[in-house]
Amino acid sequence: MTPLNLPAYSFKVKKSEGKVWIFDGARKKFVVLTPEEWVRQHFVNHLIQDHGYPKSLFRIESSLTYNTLQKRSDILVYDREGKPWMLIECKSPSIKLSQRAFNQVAIYNMTIGAKYLAVTNGMVHYCCLAPKPGQEGKFLEDFPEFED
């Protein structure tokens, strides 16, 4: 897989059914290793190991409904009270981050209501305070430490 602009982590990987699988510690199961999954696994590890986010407060690929459409958010981090705290959209490293990715996470957040929004392709990472209706989000220089 493509080296990312994130620290290196060790992962459990296996080959089965002609595919490569990676163990997702949050979901506690092996999932097919796609380029987007490679980014997702690195980013989850980055937030847990380097920013102190509690592993137990992550939801990976959780479903949501937007305008009667079923969607899936990539990474959702909850606060200790069980409220959405950060919503993260992951893209493959080959996909250049554009306004479309930011729009996607912002639209999902209309349903979720997280405090922070983030977008990453494993090479470039952006995080902002979620905008209030009619306002723009405030971009942060780094990802916030987890708030207890």
N, C-alpha and C. Protein backbone atom coordinates (compact mmCIF):
# COMPACT_ATOMS: atom_id res chain seq x y z
N MET A 1 0.84 -1.20 0.00
CA MET A 1 0.00 0.00 0.00
C MET A 1 0.87 1.25 0.00
N THR A 2 0.28 2.34 -0.40
CA THR A 2 0.95 3.62 -0.49
C THR A 2 1.40 4.11 0.89
N PRO A 3 2.66 4.56 1.03
CA PRO A 3 3.06 5.19 2.29
C PRO A 3 2.26 6.49 2.47
N LEU A 4 1.82 6.75 3.69
CA LEU A 4 0.99 7.91 3.97
C LEU A 4 1.76 8.96 4.75
N ASN A 5 1.21 10.13 4.82
CA ASN A 5 1.79 11.22 5.61
C ASN A 5 1.25 11.12 7.04
N LEU A 6 1.45 9.96 7.62
CA LEU A 6 1.06 9.64 9.00
C LEU A 6 2.12 8.72 9.56
N PRO A 7 2.23 8.63 10.88
CA PRO A 7 3.20 7.67 11.43
C PRO A 7 2.89 6.25 10.98
N ALA A 8 3.91 5.40 10.96
CA ALA A 8 3.72 3.99 10.60
C ALA A 8 3.20 3.24 11.83
N TYR A 9 2.27 2.35 11.59
CA TYR A 9 1.71 1.51 12.65
C TYR A 9 1.77 0.07 12.18
N SER A 10 1.78 -0.87 13.13
CA SER A 10 1.75 -2.27 12.73
C SER A 10 0.30 -2.74 12.74
N PHE A 11 -0.05 -3.46 11.71
CA PHE A 11 -1.41 -3.95 11.54
C PHE A 11 -1.40 -5.46 11.35
N LYS A 12 -2.47 -6.11 11.75
CA LYS A 12 -2.67 -7.52 11.43
C LYS A 12 -3.28 -7.56 10.03
N VAL A 13 -2.59 -8.24 9.13
CA VAL A 13 -3.05 -8.34 7.75
C VAL A 13 -3.04 -9.82 7.37
N LYS A 14 -4.02 -10.23 6.57
CA LYS A 14 -4.06 -11.61 6.09
C LYS A 14 -4.57 -11.63 4.65
N LYS A 15 -4.27 -12.74 3.97
CA LYS A 15 -4.80 -12.97 2.62
C LYS A 15 -5.82 -14.08 2.71
N SER A 16 -6.97 -13.85 2.11
CA SER A 16 -8.03 -14.85 2.10
C SER A 16 -8.98 -14.53 0.96
N GLU A 17 -9.50 -15.56 0.32
CA GLU A 17 -10.47 -15.39 -0.76
C GLU A 17 -9.92 -14.51 -1.89
N GLY A 18 -8.61 -14.54 -2.09
CA GLY A 18 -7.99 -13.75 -3.15
C GLY A 18 -7.89 -12.27 -2.84
N LYS A 19 -8.13 -11.89 -1.58
CA LYS A 19 -8.09 -10.48 -1.17
C LYS A 19 -7.18 -10.32 0.03
N VAL A 20 -6.74 -9.10 0.25
CA VAL A 20 -5.97 -8.77 1.45
C VAL A 20 -6.92 -8.13 2.45
N TRP A 21 -6.83 -8.57 3.69
CA TRP A 21 -7.71 -8.09 4.76
C TRP A 21 -6.86 -7.47 5.87
N ILE A 22 -7.40 -6.47 6.52
CA ILE A 22 -6.73 -5.80 7.64
C ILE A 22 -7.64 -5.85 8.85
N PHE A 23 -7.06 -6.06 10.03
CA PHE A 23 -7.87 -6.13 11.24
C PHE A 23 -8.20 -4.72 11.72
N ASP A 24 -9.48 -4.46 11.87
CA ASP A 24 -9.97 -3.18 12.39
C ASP A 24 -10.22 -3.35 13.87
N GLY A 25 -9.39 -2.73 14.70
CA GLY A 25 -9.51 -2.86 16.15
C GLY A 25 -10.78 -2.25 16.71
N ALA A 26 -11.32 -1.23 16.07
CA ALA A 26 -12.55 -0.61 16.55
C ALA A 26 -13.75 -1.51 16.28
N ARG A 27 -13.79 -2.11 15.09
CA ARG A 27 -14.90 -3.00 14.75
C ARG A 27 -14.66 -4.44 15.18
N LYS A 28 -13.40 -4.71 15.60
CA LYS A 28 -12.99 -6.03 16.06
C LYS A 28 -13.24 -7.13 15.03
N LYS A 29 -12.85 -6.82 13.78
CA LYS A 29 -12.98 -7.81 12.72
C LYS A 29 -12.06 -7.44 11.56
N PHE A 30 -11.79 -8.42 10.71
CA PHE A 30 -11.01 -8.16 9.51
C PHE A 30 -11.93 -7.56 8.44
N VAL A 31 -11.41 -6.57 7.72
CA VAL A 31 -12.13 -5.94 6.62
C VAL A 31 -11.21 -5.91 5.40
N VAL A 32 -11.80 -5.86 4.22
CA VAL A 32 -11.01 -5.83 2.99
C VAL A 32 -10.15 -4.57 2.97
N LEU A 33 -8.89 -4.76 2.63
CA LEU A 33 -7.93 -3.65 2.62
C LEU A 33 -7.99 -2.92 1.28
N THR A 34 -8.75 -1.83 1.25
CA THR A 34 -8.82 -0.94 0.09
C THR A 34 -7.93 0.27 0.39
N PRO A 35 -7.62 1.09 -0.61
CA PRO A 35 -6.84 2.29 -0.31
C PRO A 35 -7.52 3.19 0.73
N GLU A 36 -8.84 3.34 0.66
CA GLU A 36 -9.54 4.16 1.65
C GLU A 36 -9.46 3.53 3.04
N GLU A 37 -9.54 2.21 3.12
CA GLU A 37 -9.43 1.52 4.42
C GLU A 37 -8.04 1.69 5.00
N TRP A 38 -7.02 1.70 4.15
CA TRP A 38 -5.64 1.93 4.57
C TRP A 38 -5.54 3.30 5.26
N VAL A 39 -6.14 4.30 4.66
CA VAL A 39 -6.16 5.64 5.25
C VAL A 39 -6.94 5.62 6.57
N ARG A 40 -8.11 5.01 6.56
CA ARG A 40 -8.97 4.98 7.76
C ARG A 40 -8.23 4.32 8.93
N GLN A 41 -7.59 3.18 8.69
CA GLN A 41 -6.91 2.47 9.78
C GLN A 41 -5.73 3.29 10.33
N HIS A 42 -4.98 3.92 9.44
CA HIS A 42 -3.89 4.77 9.90
C HIS A 42 -4.41 5.96 10.70
N PHE A 43 -5.49 6.55 10.21
CA PHE A 43 -5.98 7.75 10.87
C PHE A 43 -6.57 7.45 12.24
N VAL A 44 -7.29 6.36 12.35
CA VAL A 44 -7.82 5.96 13.67
C VAL A 44 -6.66 5.74 14.63
N ASN A 45 -5.64 5.02 14.19
CA ASN A 45 -4.47 4.79 15.05
C ASN A 45 -3.78 6.09 15.42
N HIS A 46 -3.69 7.00 14.48
CA HIS A 46 -3.07 8.30 14.74
C HIS A 46 -3.82 9.06 15.84
N LEU A 47 -5.14 9.08 15.76
CA LEU A 47 -5.92 9.81 16.76
C LEU A 47 -5.84 9.14 18.13
N ILE A 48 -5.82 7.81 18.16
CA ILE A 48 -5.75 7.09 19.43
C ILE A 48 -4.35 7.20 20.04
N GLN A 49 -3.33 6.88 19.25
CA GLN A 49 -1.98 6.80 19.80
C GLN A 49 -1.28 8.16 19.94
N ASP A 50 -1.56 9.08 19.04
CA ASP A 50 -0.82 10.35 19.04
C ASP A 50 -1.61 11.52 19.61
N HIS A 51 -2.93 11.38 19.69
CA HIS A 51 -3.75 12.48 20.21
C HIS A 51 -4.57 12.08 21.44
N GLY A 52 -4.47 10.85 21.88
CA GLY A 52 -5.13 10.42 23.10
C GLY A 52 -6.63 10.22 23.01
N TYR A 53 -7.17 10.00 21.82
CA TYR A 53 -8.60 9.75 21.68
C TYR A 53 -8.90 8.34 22.20
N PRO A 54 -9.93 8.18 23.03
CA PRO A 54 -10.26 6.85 23.57
C PRO A 54 -10.80 5.91 22.48
N LYS A 55 -10.18 4.76 22.35
CA LYS A 55 -10.56 3.77 21.33
C LYS A 55 -12.04 3.38 21.45
N SER A 56 -12.54 3.35 22.66
CA SER A 56 -13.92 2.89 22.89
C SER A 56 -14.97 3.88 22.37
N LEU A 57 -14.56 5.10 22.01
CA LEU A 57 -15.52 6.12 21.58
C LEU A 57 -15.56 6.29 20.06
N PHE A 58 -14.95 5.37 19.32
CA PHE A 58 -14.94 5.41 17.86
C PHE A 58 -16.06 4.55 17.29
N ARG A 59 -16.71 5.05 16.25
CA ARG A 59 -17.64 4.26 15.43
C ARG A 59 -17.12 4.35 14.01
N ILE A 60 -16.95 3.22 13.38
CA ILE A 60 -16.42 3.17 12.02
C ILE A 60 -17.55 2.76 11.08
N GLU A 61 -17.68 3.52 10.00
CA GLU A 61 -18.70 3.28 8.97
C GLU A 61 -20.09 3.10 9.58
N SER A 62 -20.48 4.05 10.41
CA SER A 62 -21.82 3.99 10.98
C SER A 62 -22.82 4.57 10.00
N SER A 63 -24.01 4.00 9.98
CA SER A 63 -25.01 4.44 9.01
C SER A 63 -25.75 5.68 9.50
N LEU A 64 -26.22 6.46 8.54
CA LEU A 64 -27.01 7.65 8.83
C LEU A 64 -27.98 7.85 7.69
N THR A 65 -29.01 8.62 7.95
CA THR A 65 -30.00 8.91 6.91
C THR A 65 -29.98 10.40 6.63
N TYR A 66 -29.85 10.74 5.37
CA TYR A 66 -29.89 12.14 4.94
C TYR A 66 -30.88 12.24 3.78
N ASN A 67 -31.93 13.03 3.96
CA ASN A 67 -32.97 13.17 2.93
C ASN A 67 -33.46 11.82 2.41
N THR A 68 -33.77 10.93 3.31
CA THR A 68 -34.25 9.57 3.05
C THR A 68 -33.21 8.66 2.38
N LEU A 69 -32.00 9.13 2.20
CA LEU A 69 -30.93 8.31 1.63
C LEU A 69 -30.09 7.70 2.74
N GLN A 70 -29.77 6.43 2.61
CA GLN A 70 -28.90 5.76 3.56
C GLN A 70 -27.44 6.05 3.18
N LYS A 71 -26.67 6.57 4.13
CA LYS A 71 -25.26 6.89 3.92
C LYS A 71 -24.45 6.26 5.03
N ARG A 72 -23.12 6.31 4.90
CA ARG A 72 -22.22 5.81 5.94
C ARG A 72 -21.14 6.86 6.20
N SER A 73 -20.96 7.18 7.47
CA SER A 73 -19.85 8.06 7.82
C SER A 73 -18.62 7.19 8.02
N ASP A 74 -17.45 7.69 7.66
CA ASP A 74 -16.22 6.90 7.77
C ASP A 74 -15.82 6.70 9.23
N ILE A 75 -15.58 7.80 9.94
CA ILE A 75 -15.16 7.73 11.34
C ILE A 75 -15.99 8.74 12.12
N LEU A 76 -16.56 8.29 13.21
CA LEU A 76 -17.29 9.17 14.11
C LEU A 76 -16.74 8.94 15.51
N VAL A 77 -16.29 10.02 16.14
CA VAL A 77 -15.78 9.96 17.50
C VAL A 77 -16.80 10.64 18.41
N TYR A 78 -17.15 9.96 19.48
CA TYR A 78 -18.10 10.50 20.44
C TYR A 78 -17.37 11.10 21.63
N ASP A 79 -18.04 12.04 22.33
CA ASP A 79 -17.49 12.52 23.60
C ASP A 79 -17.89 11.52 24.69
N ARG A 80 -17.47 11.77 25.90
CA ARG A 80 -17.74 10.82 26.99
C ARG A 80 -19.22 10.78 27.39
N GLU A 81 -20.01 11.72 26.91
CA GLU A 81 -21.45 11.71 27.20
C GLU A 81 -22.23 11.03 26.08
N GLY A 82 -21.51 10.52 25.08
CA GLY A 82 -22.16 9.81 23.98
C GLY A 82 -22.67 10.70 22.87
N LYS A 83 -22.22 11.95 22.85
CA LYS A 83 -22.63 12.88 21.80
C LYS A 83 -21.56 12.93 20.71
N PRO A 84 -21.95 13.07 19.45
CA PRO A 84 -20.97 13.15 18.37
C PRO A 84 -20.00 14.31 18.60
N TRP A 85 -18.70 14.02 18.53
CA TRP A 85 -17.68 15.02 18.82
C TRP A 85 -16.89 15.38 17.56
N MET A 86 -16.50 14.35 16.77
CA MET A 86 -15.75 14.61 15.53
C MET A 86 -16.19 13.64 14.45
N LEU A 87 -16.47 14.18 13.28
CA LEU A 87 -16.85 13.40 12.11
C LEU A 87 -15.72 13.51 11.09
N ILE A 88 -15.23 12.37 10.61
CA ILE A 88 -14.07 12.34 9.72
C ILE A 88 -14.41 11.59 8.44
N GLU A 89 -14.14 12.22 7.32
CA GLU A 89 -14.32 11.61 6.01
C GLU A 89 -12.94 11.22 5.47
N CYS A 90 -12.79 9.95 5.08
CA CYS A 90 -11.52 9.45 4.54
C CYS A 90 -11.66 9.20 3.05
N LYS A 91 -10.62 9.56 2.34
CA LYS A 91 -10.55 9.32 0.90
C LYS A 91 -9.29 8.53 0.60
N SER A 92 -9.25 7.89 -0.53
CA SER A 92 -8.07 7.19 -1.00
C SER A 92 -6.93 8.19 -1.19
N PRO A 93 -5.67 7.76 -0.98
CA PRO A 93 -4.54 8.68 -1.19
C PRO A 93 -4.47 9.24 -2.60
N SER A 94 -5.02 8.54 -3.57
CA SER A 94 -4.97 9.01 -4.96
C SER A 94 -6.01 10.08 -5.26
N ILE A 95 -6.93 10.31 -4.34
CA ILE A 95 -7.97 11.31 -4.56
C ILE A 95 -7.55 12.64 -3.94
N LYS A 96 -7.51 13.65 -4.77
CA LYS A 96 -7.18 14.99 -4.29
C LYS A 96 -8.38 15.53 -3.50
N LEU A 97 -8.10 16.08 -2.33
CA LEU A 97 -9.18 16.61 -1.51
C LEU A 97 -9.71 17.89 -2.16
N SER A 98 -11.02 17.93 -2.33
CA SER A 98 -11.65 19.06 -2.99
C SER A 98 -12.83 19.54 -2.15
N GLN A 99 -13.48 20.56 -2.64
CA GLN A 99 -14.65 21.09 -1.96
C GLN A 99 -15.72 20.01 -1.82
N ARG A 100 -15.75 19.10 -2.75
CA ARG A 100 -16.75 18.03 -2.72
C ARG A 100 -16.63 17.18 -1.44
N ALA A 101 -15.41 16.87 -1.02
CA ALA A 101 -15.20 16.10 0.21
C ALA A 101 -15.66 16.89 1.43
N PHE A 102 -15.38 18.19 1.43
CA PHE A 102 -15.81 19.03 2.56
C PHE A 102 -17.34 19.14 2.57
N ASN A 103 -17.94 19.25 1.40
CA ASN A 103 -19.40 19.30 1.32
C ASN A 103 -20.01 18.01 1.84
N GLN A 104 -19.41 16.89 1.49
CA GLN A 104 -19.92 15.59 1.93
C GLN A 104 -19.94 15.49 3.45
N VAL A 105 -18.84 15.82 4.10
CA VAL A 105 -18.78 15.71 5.56
C VAL A 105 -19.72 16.74 6.21
N ALA A 106 -19.85 17.92 5.60
CA ALA A 106 -20.75 18.94 6.15
C ALA A 106 -22.21 18.50 6.03
N ILE A 107 -22.56 17.88 4.91
CA ILE A 107 -23.93 17.39 4.74
C ILE A 107 -24.23 16.28 5.74
N TYR A 108 -23.29 15.35 5.91
CA TYR A 108 -23.48 14.29 6.90
C TYR A 108 -23.66 14.89 8.29
N ASN A 109 -22.93 15.96 8.56
CA ASN A 109 -23.00 16.55 9.89
C ASN A 109 -24.32 17.25 10.15
N MET A 110 -25.08 17.56 9.12
CA MET A 110 -26.41 18.14 9.33
C MET A 110 -27.29 17.15 10.10
N THR A 111 -27.04 15.86 9.91
CA THR A 111 -27.76 14.82 10.63
C THR A 111 -27.07 14.49 11.96
N ILE A 112 -25.74 14.46 11.96
CA ILE A 112 -24.98 13.99 13.12
C ILE A 112 -24.78 15.07 14.18
N GLY A 113 -24.39 16.26 13.77
CA GLY A 113 -24.20 17.36 14.72
C GLY A 113 -22.92 17.31 15.53
N ALA A 114 -21.81 16.88 14.91
CA ALA A 114 -20.52 16.83 15.60
C ALA A 114 -19.93 18.23 15.76
N LYS A 115 -19.09 18.37 16.77
CA LYS A 115 -18.42 19.64 17.06
C LYS A 115 -17.32 19.93 16.03
N TYR A 116 -16.59 18.89 15.62
CA TYR A 116 -15.49 19.03 14.67
C TYR A 116 -15.75 18.21 13.41
N LEU A 117 -15.24 18.70 12.29
CA LEU A 117 -15.28 17.99 11.02
C LEU A 117 -13.86 17.85 10.49
N ALA A 118 -13.59 16.71 9.87
CA ALA A 118 -12.25 16.49 9.32
C ALA A 118 -12.34 15.73 8.01
N VAL A 119 -11.33 15.94 7.17
CA VAL A 119 -11.21 15.26 5.90
C VAL A 119 -9.74 14.88 5.74
N THR A 120 -9.49 13.65 5.29
CA THR A 120 -8.11 13.22 5.05
C THR A 120 -8.07 12.25 3.88
N ASN A 121 -6.94 12.28 3.17
CA ASN A 121 -6.66 11.25 2.17
C ASN A 121 -5.37 10.52 2.54
N GLY A 122 -4.96 10.70 3.79
CA GLY A 122 -3.74 10.07 4.28
C GLY A 122 -2.49 10.87 3.97
N MET A 123 -2.59 11.77 3.03
CA MET A 123 -1.46 12.63 2.65
C MET A 123 -1.65 14.04 3.20
N VAL A 124 -2.88 14.51 3.13
CA VAL A 124 -3.26 15.85 3.60
C VAL A 124 -4.44 15.67 4.54
N HIS A 125 -4.44 16.43 5.63
CA HIS A 125 -5.50 16.30 6.64
C HIS A 125 -5.99 17.69 7.02
N TYR A 126 -7.29 17.85 7.08
CA TYR A 126 -7.89 19.12 7.49
C TYR A 126 -8.88 18.86 8.61
N CYS A 127 -8.92 19.79 9.56
CA CYS A 127 -9.89 19.71 10.64
C CYS A 127 -10.42 21.11 10.91
N CYS A 128 -11.72 21.20 11.18
CA CYS A 128 -12.30 22.50 11.49
C CYS A 128 -13.39 22.36 12.54
N LEU A 129 -13.66 23.47 13.21
CA LEU A 129 -14.84 23.53 14.05
C LEU A 129 -16.02 23.52 13.11
N ALA A 130 -17.00 22.70 13.39
CA ALA A 130 -18.16 22.60 12.49
C ALA A 130 -18.85 23.95 12.40
N PRO A 131 -19.17 24.37 11.19
CA PRO A 131 -19.83 25.67 11.03
C PRO A 131 -21.27 25.64 11.52
N LYS A 132 -21.70 26.74 12.06
CA LYS A 132 -23.12 26.93 12.40
C LYS A 132 -23.83 27.30 11.09
N PRO A 133 -25.14 27.10 11.01
CA PRO A 133 -25.85 27.47 9.78
C PRO A 133 -25.57 28.91 9.36
N GLY A 134 -25.21 29.07 8.09
CA GLY A 134 -24.92 30.39 7.55
C GLY A 134 -23.52 30.90 7.83
N GLN A 135 -22.69 30.08 8.50
CA GLN A 135 -21.32 30.49 8.81
C GLN A 135 -20.33 29.52 8.18
N GLU A 136 -19.07 29.92 8.17
CA GLU A 136 -18.01 29.05 7.68
C GLU A 136 -17.33 28.38 8.87
N GLY A 137 -16.80 27.19 8.64
CA GLY A 137 -16.05 26.50 9.68
C GLY A 137 -14.73 27.19 9.93
N LYS A 138 -14.21 27.07 11.14
CA LYS A 138 -12.91 27.65 11.49
C LYS A 138 -11.88 26.52 11.43
N PHE A 139 -10.96 26.61 10.45
CA PHE A 139 -9.96 25.56 10.30
C PHE A 139 -8.92 25.66 11.41
N LEU A 140 -8.48 24.48 11.87
CA LEU A 140 -7.51 24.38 12.95
C LEU A 140 -6.15 24.00 12.37
N GLU A 141 -5.09 24.38 13.08
CA GLU A 141 -3.74 24.03 12.61
C GLU A 141 -3.43 22.56 12.81
N ASP A 142 -4.05 21.94 13.81
CA ASP A 142 -3.82 20.53 14.10
C ASP A 142 -5.12 19.94 14.65
N PHE A 143 -5.14 18.66 14.81
CA PHE A 143 -6.32 18.03 15.39
C PHE A 143 -6.34 18.29 16.89
N PRO A 144 -7.51 18.58 17.43
CA PRO A 144 -7.57 18.89 18.86
C PRO A 144 -7.31 17.65 19.71
N GLU A 145 -6.76 17.87 20.89
CA GLU A 145 -6.64 16.78 21.84
C GLU A 145 -8.04 16.44 22.30
N PHE A 146 -8.25 15.21 22.70
CA PHE A 146 -9.59 14.79 23.12
C PHE A 146 -9.97 15.51 24.42
N GLU A 147 -11.20 16.00 24.46
CA GLU A 147 -11.69 16.71 25.64
C GLU A 147 -12.38 15.73 26.57
N ASP A 148 -11.95 15.71 27.81
CA ASP A 148 -12.63 14.86 28.82
C ASP A 148 -13.79 15.58 29.42
